[in-house]
Amino acid sequence: MEYNFKIFNTFYKQSGIVKQTTTSDTPEQNSVTKRKNRTLVENVRCMLQHMKLNHRFWAKTMVTTRYIHNKIFTKTISNMTLGKV
């Protein structure tokens, strides 16, 4: 298994990260991944429909959507503002 080293496990515990392992090359086993992928696909569909673009822009829109989602905070970061990040 990947990343089963003591250093990583210590880091996970100190950071409050719950480690979840799955069988390699089977993202369908990971419900978080499935939800994230479904959210991305729904956002792409909405963006394409809203801008009245055809599906040849699907890949570009997916890249843009992924970029936006990577920039959005999903958890509260205490004592931080966007300027401090």
PDB file of N, CA and C in Angstrom:
ATOM      1  N   MET A   1       0.841  -1.190   0.000  1.00  0.00           N
ATOM      2  CA  MET A   1       0.000   0.000   0.000  1.00  0.00           C
ATOM      3  C   MET A   1       0.882   1.247   0.000  1.00  0.00           C
ATOM      4  N   GLU A   2       0.373   2.261  -0.648  1.00  0.00           N
ATOM      5  CA  GLU A   2       1.108   3.512  -0.708  1.00  0.00           C
ATOM      6  C   GLU A   2       0.993   4.269   0.604  1.00  0.00           C
ATOM      7  N   TYR A   3       2.016   5.005   0.946  1.00  0.00           N
ATOM      8  CA  TYR A   3       2.010   5.941   2.064  1.00  0.00           C
ATOM      9  C   TYR A   3       1.595   5.306   3.389  1.00  0.00           C
ATOM     10  N   ASN A   4       2.035   4.117   3.658  1.00  0.00           N
ATOM     11  CA  ASN A   4       1.780   3.500   4.947  1.00  0.00           C
ATOM     12  C   ASN A   4       2.991   3.647   5.858  1.00  0.00           C
ATOM     13  N   PHE A   5       3.695   4.708   5.703  1.00  0.00           N
ATOM     14  CA  PHE A   5       4.887   4.941   6.488  1.00  0.00           C
ATOM     15  C   PHE A   5       4.529   5.616   7.797  1.00  0.00           C
ATOM     16  N   LYS A   6       5.351   5.385   8.800  1.00  0.00           N
ATOM     17  CA  LYS A   6       5.104   5.929  10.139  1.00  0.00           C
ATOM     18  C   LYS A   6       5.036   7.459  10.116  1.00  0.00           C
ATOM     19  N   ILE A   7       5.880   8.088   9.315  1.00  0.00           N
ATOM     20  CA  ILE A   7       5.894   9.554   9.245  1.00  0.00           C
ATOM     21  C   ILE A   7       4.545  10.080   8.761  1.00  0.00           C
ATOM     22  N   PHE A   8       4.015   9.469   7.714  1.00  0.00           N
ATOM     23  CA  PHE A   8       2.722   9.906   7.193  1.00  0.00           C
ATOM     24  C   PHE A   8       1.611   9.674   8.209  1.00  0.00           C
ATOM     25  N   ASN A   9       1.614   8.517   8.847  1.00  0.00           N
ATOM     26  CA  ASN A   9       0.583   8.223   9.836  1.00  0.00           C
ATOM     27  C   ASN A   9       0.633   9.199  11.003  1.00  0.00           C
ATOM     28  N   THR A  10       1.834   9.561  11.430  1.00  0.00           N
ATOM     29  CA  THR A  10       1.984  10.557  12.493  1.00  0.00           C
ATOM     30  C   THR A  10       1.450  11.903  12.038  1.00  0.00           C
ATOM     31  N   PHE A  11       1.801  12.293  10.821  1.00  0.00           N
ATOM     32  CA  PHE A  11       1.308  13.562  10.270  1.00  0.00           C
ATOM     33  C   PHE A  11      -0.216  13.579  10.206  1.00  0.00           C
ATOM     34  N   TYR A  12      -0.807  12.483   9.747  1.00  0.00           N
ATOM     35  CA  TYR A  12      -2.262  12.395   9.657  1.00  0.00           C
ATOM     36  C   TYR A  12      -2.896  12.602  11.018  1.00  0.00           C
ATOM     37  N   LYS A  13      -2.377  11.926  12.038  1.00  0.00           N
ATOM     38  CA  LYS A  13      -2.939  12.039  13.385  1.00  0.00           C
ATOM     39  C   LYS A  13      -2.805  13.445  13.934  1.00  0.00           C
ATOM     40  N   GLN A  14      -1.641  14.050  13.739  1.00  0.00           N
ATOM     41  CA  GLN A  14      -1.409  15.406  14.247  1.00  0.00           C
ATOM     42  C   GLN A  14      -2.284  16.431  13.529  1.00  0.00           C
ATOM     43  N   SER A  15      -2.583  16.189  12.281  1.00  0.00           N
ATOM     44  CA  SER A  15      -3.377  17.132  11.484  1.00  0.00           C
ATOM     45  C   SER A  15      -4.870  16.863  11.561  1.00  0.00           C
ATOM     46  N   GLY A  16      -5.247  15.775  12.213  1.00  0.00           N
ATOM     47  CA  GLY A  16      -6.665  15.434  12.300  1.00  0.00           C
ATOM     48  C   GLY A  16      -7.219  14.860  11.007  1.00  0.00           C
ATOM     49  N   ILE A  17      -6.352  14.300  10.187  1.00  0.00           N
ATOM     50  CA  ILE A  17      -6.768  13.733   8.904  1.00  0.00           C
ATOM     51  C   ILE A  17      -7.142  12.278   9.112  1.00  0.00           C
ATOM     52  N   VAL A  18      -8.314  11.904   8.632  1.00  0.00           N
ATOM     53  CA  VAL A  18      -8.740  10.508   8.697  1.00  0.00           C
ATOM     54  C   VAL A  18      -8.302   9.845   7.398  1.00  0.00           C
ATOM     55  N   LYS A  19      -7.437   8.866   7.519  1.00  0.00           N
ATOM     56  CA  LYS A  19      -6.885   8.194   6.343  1.00  0.00           C
ATOM     57  C   LYS A  19      -7.848   7.109   5.880  1.00  0.00           C
ATOM     58  N   GLN A  20      -8.193   7.153   4.591  1.00  0.00           N
ATOM     59  CA  GLN A  20      -9.064   6.151   4.006  1.00  0.00           C
ATOM     60  C   GLN A  20      -8.330   5.523   2.829  1.00  0.00           C
ATOM     61  N   THR A  21      -8.226   4.223   2.846  1.00  0.00           N
ATOM     62  CA  THR A  21      -7.530   3.554   1.756  1.00  0.00           C
ATOM     63  C   THR A  21      -8.546   2.861   0.841  1.00  0.00           C
ATOM     64  N   THR A  22      -8.189   2.760  -0.412  1.00  0.00           N
ATOM     65  CA  THR A  22      -9.022   2.060  -1.385  1.00  0.00           C
ATOM     66  C   THR A  22      -8.115   1.185  -2.244  1.00  0.00           C
ATOM     67  N   THR A  23      -8.709   0.297  -2.964  1.00  0.00           N
ATOM     68  CA  THR A  23      -7.959  -0.514  -3.909  1.00  0.00           C
ATOM     69  C   THR A  23      -7.473   0.392  -5.035  1.00  0.00           C
ATOM     70  N   SER A  24      -6.249   0.210  -5.455  1.00  0.00           N
ATOM     71  CA  SER A  24      -5.698   1.091  -6.485  1.00  0.00           C
ATOM     72  C   SER A  24      -6.482   0.980  -7.791  1.00  0.00           C
ATOM     73  N   ASP A  25      -6.547   2.100  -8.488  1.00  0.00           N
ATOM     74  CA  ASP A  25      -7.220   2.214  -9.786  1.00  0.00           C
ATOM     75  C   ASP A  25      -8.713   1.896  -9.729  1.00  0.00           C
ATOM     76  N   THR A  26      -9.341   2.133  -8.594  1.00  0.00           N
ATOM     77  CA  THR A  26     -10.790   1.940  -8.474  1.00  0.00           C
ATOM     78  C   THR A  26     -11.406   3.128  -7.736  1.00  0.00           C
ATOM     79  N   PRO A  27     -11.456   4.302  -8.380  1.00  0.00           N
ATOM     80  CA  PRO A  27     -12.011   5.477  -7.701  1.00  0.00           C
ATOM     81  C   PRO A  27     -13.485   5.324  -7.354  1.00  0.00           C
ATOM     82  N   GLU A  28     -14.169   4.370  -7.988  1.00  0.00           N
ATOM     83  CA  GLU A  28     -15.582   4.185  -7.675  1.00  0.00           C
ATOM     84  C   GLU A  28     -15.788   3.695  -6.247  1.00  0.00           C
ATOM     85  N   GLN A  29     -14.734   3.203  -5.590  1.00  0.00           N
ATOM     86  CA  GLN A  29     -14.851   2.785  -4.205  1.00  0.00           C
ATOM     87  C   GLN A  29     -14.836   3.973  -3.253  1.00  0.00           C
ATOM     88  N   ASN A  30     -14.427   5.100  -3.720  1.00  0.00           N
ATOM     89  CA  ASN A  30     -14.293   6.267  -2.858  1.00  0.00           C
ATOM     90  C   ASN A  30     -15.493   7.188  -3.070  1.00  0.00           C
ATOM     91  N   SER A  31     -16.381   7.231  -2.083  1.00  0.00           N
ATOM     92  CA  SER A  31     -17.609   8.019  -2.221  1.00  0.00           C
ATOM     93  C   SER A  31     -17.324   9.513  -2.318  1.00  0.00           C
ATOM     94  N   VAL A  32     -16.260   9.986  -1.677  1.00  0.00           N
ATOM     95  CA  VAL A  32     -15.905  11.412  -1.768  1.00  0.00           C
ATOM     96  C   VAL A  32     -15.527  11.751  -3.197  1.00  0.00           C
ATOM     97  N   THR A  33     -14.743  10.895  -3.820  1.00  0.00           N
ATOM     98  CA  THR A  33     -14.341  11.115  -5.210  1.00  0.00           C
ATOM     99  C   THR A  33     -15.545  11.094  -6.135  1.00  0.00           C
ATOM    100  N   LYS A  34     -16.452  10.162  -5.901  1.00  0.00           N
ATOM    101  CA  LYS A  34     -17.656  10.084  -6.735  1.00  0.00           C
ATOM    102  C   LYS A  34     -18.481  11.363  -6.620  1.00  0.00           C
ATOM    103  N   ARG A  35     -18.642  11.854  -5.398  1.00  0.00           N
ATOM    104  CA  ARG A  35     -19.415  13.086  -5.200  1.00  0.00           C
ATOM    105  C   ARG A  35     -18.736  14.267  -5.871  1.00  0.00           C
ATOM    106  N   LYS A  36     -17.413  14.357  -5.716  1.00  0.00           N
ATOM    107  CA  LYS A  36     -16.672  15.466  -6.313  1.00  0.00           C
ATOM    108  C   LYS A  36     -16.769  15.424  -7.835  1.00  0.00           C
ATOM    109  N   ASN A  37     -16.616  14.244  -8.415  1.00  0.00           N
ATOM    110  CA  ASN A  37     -16.725  14.108  -9.871  1.00  0.00           C
ATOM    111  C   ASN A  37     -18.125  14.453 -10.360  1.00  0.00           C
ATOM    112  N   ARG A  38     -19.147  14.001  -9.626  1.00  0.00           N
ATOM    113  CA  ARG A  38     -20.528  14.322 -10.008  1.00  0.00           C
ATOM    114  C   ARG A  38     -20.756  15.829  -9.944  1.00  0.00           C
ATOM    115  N   THR A  39     -20.231  16.473  -8.897  1.00  0.00           N
ATOM    116  CA  THR A  39     -20.366  17.925  -8.764  1.00  0.00           C
ATOM    117  C   THR A  39     -19.698  18.638  -9.928  1.00  0.00           C
ATOM    118  N   LEU A  40     -18.507  18.184 -10.300  1.00  0.00           N
ATOM    119  CA  LEU A  40     -17.801  18.809 -11.421  1.00  0.00           C
ATOM    120  C   LEU A  40     -18.579  18.663 -12.722  1.00  0.00           C
ATOM    121  N   VAL A  41     -19.081  17.478 -12.993  1.00  0.00           N
ATOM    122  CA  VAL A  41     -19.844  17.240 -14.226  1.00  0.00           C
ATOM    123  C   VAL A  41     -21.103  18.100 -14.250  1.00  0.00           C
ATOM    124  N   GLU A  42     -21.791  18.198 -13.117  1.00  0.00           N
ATOM    125  CA  GLU A  42     -22.994  19.031 -13.062  1.00  0.00           C
ATOM    126  C   GLU A  42     -22.654  20.494 -13.297  1.00  0.00           C
ATOM    127  N   ASN A  43     -21.544  20.953 -12.733  1.00  0.00           N
ATOM    128  CA  ASN A  43     -21.133  22.342 -12.940  1.00  0.00           C
ATOM    129  C   ASN A  43     -20.774  22.606 -14.398  1.00  0.00           C
ATOM    130  N   VAL A  44     -20.102  21.661 -15.028  1.00  0.00           N
ATOM    131  CA  VAL A  44     -19.748  21.811 -16.443  1.00  0.00           C
ATOM    132  C   VAL A  44     -21.010  21.902 -17.286  1.00  0.00           C
ATOM    133  N   ARG A  45     -21.955  21.014 -17.040  1.00  0.00           N
ATOM    134  CA  ARG A  45     -23.217  21.049 -17.799  1.00  0.00           C
ATOM    135  C   ARG A  45     -23.929  22.391 -17.638  1.00  0.00           C
ATOM    136  N   CYS A  46     -23.967  22.885 -16.397  1.00  0.00           N
ATOM    137  CA  CYS A  46     -24.630  24.169 -16.141  1.00  0.00           C
ATOM    138  C   CYS A  46     -23.923  25.315 -16.854  1.00  0.00           C
ATOM    139  N   MET A  47     -22.589  25.306 -16.800  1.00  0.00           N
ATOM    140  CA  MET A  47     -21.837  26.378 -17.456  1.00  0.00           C
ATOM    141  C   MET A  47     -22.050  26.359 -18.968  1.00  0.00           C
ATOM    142  N   LEU A  48     -21.999  25.166 -19.561  1.00  0.00           N
ATOM    143  CA  LEU A  48     -22.197  25.058 -21.007  1.00  0.00           C
ATOM    144  C   LEU A  48     -23.600  25.490 -21.406  1.00  0.00           C
ATOM    145  N   GLN A  49     -24.587  25.067 -20.632  1.00  0.00           N
ATOM    146  CA  GLN A  49     -25.966  25.429 -20.949  1.00  0.00           C
ATOM    147  C   GLN A  49     -26.196  26.927 -20.757  1.00  0.00           C
ATOM    148  N   HIS A  50     -25.673  27.470 -19.677  1.00  0.00           N
ATOM    149  CA  HIS A  50     -25.866  28.895 -19.401  1.00  0.00           C
ATOM    150  C   HIS A  50     -25.247  29.771 -20.487  1.00  0.00           C
ATOM    151  N   MET A  51     -24.065  29.385 -20.960  1.00  0.00           N
ATOM    152  CA  MET A  51     -23.381  30.172 -21.990  1.00  0.00           C
ATOM    153  C   MET A  51     -23.784  29.768 -23.403  1.00  0.00           C
ATOM    154  N   LYS A  52     -24.702  28.781 -23.508  1.00  0.00           N
ATOM    155  CA  LYS A  52     -25.197  28.305 -24.798  1.00  0.00           C
ATOM    156  C   LYS A  52     -24.052  27.843 -25.704  1.00  0.00           C
ATOM    157  N   LEU A  53     -23.135  27.067 -25.105  1.00  0.00           N
ATOM    158  CA  LEU A  53     -22.008  26.510 -25.848  1.00  0.00           C
ATOM    159  C   LEU A  53     -22.285  25.045 -26.154  1.00  0.00           C
ATOM    160  N   ASN A  54     -21.711  24.564 -27.251  1.00  0.00           N
ATOM    161  CA  ASN A  54     -21.909  23.142 -27.544  1.00  0.00           C
ATOM    162  C   ASN A  54     -20.868  22.312 -26.803  1.00  0.00           C
ATOM    163  N   HIS A  55     -20.969  21.006 -26.936  1.00  0.00           N
ATOM    164  CA  HIS A  55     -20.163  20.106 -26.123  1.00  0.00           C
ATOM    165  C   HIS A  55     -18.698  20.021 -26.540  1.00  0.00           C
ATOM    166  N   ARG A  56     -18.319  20.665 -27.615  1.00  0.00           N
ATOM    167  CA  ARG A  56     -16.896  20.622 -27.977  1.00  0.00           C
ATOM    168  C   ARG A  56     -16.049  21.429 -26.993  1.00  0.00           C
ATOM    169  N   PHE A  57     -16.693  22.259 -26.172  1.00  0.00           N
ATOM    170  CA  PHE A  57     -15.991  23.028 -25.146  1.00  0.00           C
ATOM    171  C   PHE A  57     -15.963  22.301 -23.802  1.00  0.00           C
ATOM    172  N   TRP A  58     -16.388  21.041 -23.789  1.00  0.00           N
ATOM    173  CA  TRP A  58     -16.496  20.277 -22.538  1.00  0.00           C
ATOM    174  C   TRP A  58     -15.159  20.216 -21.783  1.00  0.00           C
ATOM    175  N   ALA A  59     -14.087  19.855 -22.460  1.00  0.00           N
ATOM    176  CA  ALA A  59     -12.787  19.689 -21.793  1.00  0.00           C
ATOM    177  C   ALA A  59     -12.292  21.002 -21.204  1.00  0.00           C
ATOM    178  N   LYS A  60     -12.395  22.066 -21.960  1.00  0.00           N
ATOM    179  CA  LYS A  60     -11.943  23.379 -21.485  1.00  0.00           C
ATOM    180  C   LYS A  60     -12.765  23.828 -20.283  1.00  0.00           C
ATOM    181  N   THR A  61     -14.062  23.575 -20.352  1.00  0.00           N
ATOM    182  CA  THR A  61     -14.943  23.944 -19.247  1.00  0.00           C
ATOM    183  C   THR A  61     -14.638  23.102 -18.015  1.00  0.00           C
ATOM    184  N   MET A  62     -14.314  21.832 -18.197  1.00  0.00           N
ATOM    185  CA  MET A  62     -13.963  20.965 -17.067  1.00  0.00           C
ATOM    186  C   MET A  62     -12.686  21.454 -16.389  1.00  0.00           C
ATOM    187  N   VAL A  63     -11.698  21.840 -17.187  1.00  0.00           N
ATOM    188  CA  VAL A  63     -10.452  22.356 -16.620  1.00  0.00           C
ATOM    189  C   VAL A  63     -10.724  23.625 -15.816  1.00  0.00           C
ATOM    190  N   THR A  64     -11.553  24.504 -16.356  1.00  0.00           N
ATOM    191  CA  THR A  64     -11.902  25.739 -15.666  1.00  0.00           C
ATOM    192  C   THR A  64     -12.653  25.452 -14.373  1.00  0.00           C
ATOM    193  N   THR A  65     -13.600  24.539 -14.429  1.00  0.00           N
ATOM    194  CA  THR A  65     -14.378  24.181 -13.244  1.00  0.00           C
ATOM    195  C   THR A  65     -13.477  23.582 -12.177  1.00  0.00           C
ATOM    196  N   ARG A  66     -12.568  22.694 -12.558  1.00  0.00           N
ATOM    197  CA  ARG A  66     -11.631  22.084 -11.612  1.00  0.00           C
ATOM    198  C   ARG A  66     -10.763  23.156 -10.962  1.00  0.00           C
ATOM    199  N   TYR A  67     -10.308  24.126 -11.756  1.00  0.00           N
ATOM    200  CA  TYR A  67      -9.489  25.216 -11.237  1.00  0.00           C
ATOM    201  C   TYR A  67     -10.265  26.009 -10.190  1.00  0.00           C
ATOM    202  N   ILE A  68     -11.510  26.336 -10.508  1.00  0.00           N
ATOM    203  CA  ILE A  68     -12.345  27.096  -9.572  1.00  0.00           C
ATOM    204  C   ILE A  68     -12.544  26.315  -8.279  1.00  0.00           C
ATOM    205  N   HIS A  69     -12.845  25.032  -8.383  1.00  0.00           N
ATOM    206  CA  HIS A  69     -13.073  24.216  -7.191  1.00  0.00           C
ATOM    207  C   HIS A  69     -11.804  24.088  -6.347  1.00  0.00           C
ATOM    208  N   ASN A  70     -10.656  24.085  -6.971  1.00  0.00           N
ATOM    209  CA  ASN A  70      -9.411  24.020  -6.210  1.00  0.00           C
ATOM    210  C   ASN A  70      -9.133  25.318  -5.458  1.00  0.00           C
ATOM    211  N   LYS A  71      -9.697  26.411  -5.915  1.00  0.00           N
ATOM    212  CA  LYS A  71      -9.472  27.708  -5.275  1.00  0.00           C
ATOM    213  C   LYS A  71     -10.483  28.018  -4.175  1.00  0.00           C
ATOM    214  N   ILE A  72     -11.579  27.275  -4.145  1.00  0.00           N
ATOM    215  CA  ILE A  72     -12.629  27.527  -3.155  1.00  0.00           C
ATOM    216  C   ILE A  72     -12.324  26.739  -1.889  1.00  0.00           C
ATOM    217  N   PHE A  73     -12.417  27.420  -0.739  1.00  0.00           N
ATOM    218  CA  PHE A  73     -12.234  26.731   0.535  1.00  0.00           C
ATOM    219  C   PHE A  73     -13.484  25.933   0.860  1.00  0.00           C
ATOM    220  N   THR A  74     -13.301  24.703   1.294  1.00  0.00           N
ATOM    221  CA  THR A  74     -14.444  23.886   1.676  1.00  0.00           C
ATOM    222  C   THR A  74     -14.548  23.736   3.188  1.00  0.00           C
ATOM    223  N   LYS A  75     -13.533  24.154   3.898  1.00  0.00           N
ATOM    224  CA  LYS A  75     -13.543  24.130   5.351  1.00  0.00           C
ATOM    225  C   LYS A  75     -13.162  25.506   5.864  1.00  0.00           C
ATOM    226  N   THR A  76     -13.608  25.816   7.041  1.00  0.00           N
ATOM    227  CA  THR A  76     -13.235  27.075   7.662  1.00  0.00           C
ATOM    228  C   THR A  76     -11.799  26.988   8.155  1.00  0.00           C
ATOM    229  N   ILE A  77     -11.037  28.000   7.850  1.00  0.00           N
ATOM    230  CA  ILE A  77      -9.669  28.079   8.348  1.00  0.00           C
ATOM    231  C   ILE A  77      -9.679  29.156   9.417  1.00  0.00           C
ATOM    232  N   SER A  78      -9.453  28.768  10.659  1.00  0.00           N
ATOM    233  CA  SER A  78      -9.574  29.713  11.775  1.00  0.00           C
ATOM    234  C   SER A  78      -8.494  30.778  11.723  1.00  0.00           C
ATOM    235  N   ASN A  79      -8.891  31.983  12.089  1.00  0.00           N
ATOM    236  CA  ASN A  79      -7.989  33.138  12.178  1.00  0.00           C
ATOM    237  C   ASN A  79      -7.280  33.456  10.874  1.00  0.00           C
ATOM    238  N   MET A  80      -7.917  33.183   9.742  1.00  0.00           N
ATOM    239  CA  MET A  80      -7.310  33.499   8.456  1.00  0.00           C
ATOM    240  C   MET A  80      -8.321  34.217   7.572  1.00  0.00           C
ATOM    241  N   THR A  81      -7.810  35.145   6.809  1.00  0.00           N
ATOM    242  CA  THR A  81      -8.625  35.791   5.782  1.00  0.00           C
ATOM    243  C   THR A  81      -7.983  35.460   4.439  1.00  0.00           C
ATOM    244  N   LEU A  82      -8.647  35.803   3.363  1.00  0.00           N
ATOM    245  CA  LEU A  82      -8.101  35.528   2.045  1.00  0.00           C
ATOM    246  C   LEU A  82      -6.746  36.209   1.839  1.00  0.00           C
ATOM    247  N   GLY A  83      -6.554  37.364   2.468  1.00  0.00           N
ATOM    248  CA  GLY A  83      -5.283  38.065   2.330  1.00  0.00           C
ATOM    249  C   GLY A  83      -4.128  37.324   2.970  1.00  0.00           C
ATOM    250  N   LYS A  84      -4.413  36.508   3.995  1.00  0.00           N
ATOM    251  CA  LYS A  84      -3.360  35.787   4.709  1.00  0.00           C
ATOM    252  C   LYS A  84      -3.033  34.451   4.073  1.00  0.00           C
ATOM    253  N   VAL A  85      -3.887  33.985   3.180  1.00  0.00           N
ATOM    254  CA  VAL A  85      -3.700  32.655   2.604  1.00  0.00           C
ATOM    255  C   VAL A  85      -2.620  32.661   1.571  1.00  0.00           C
TER     256      VAL A  85
END
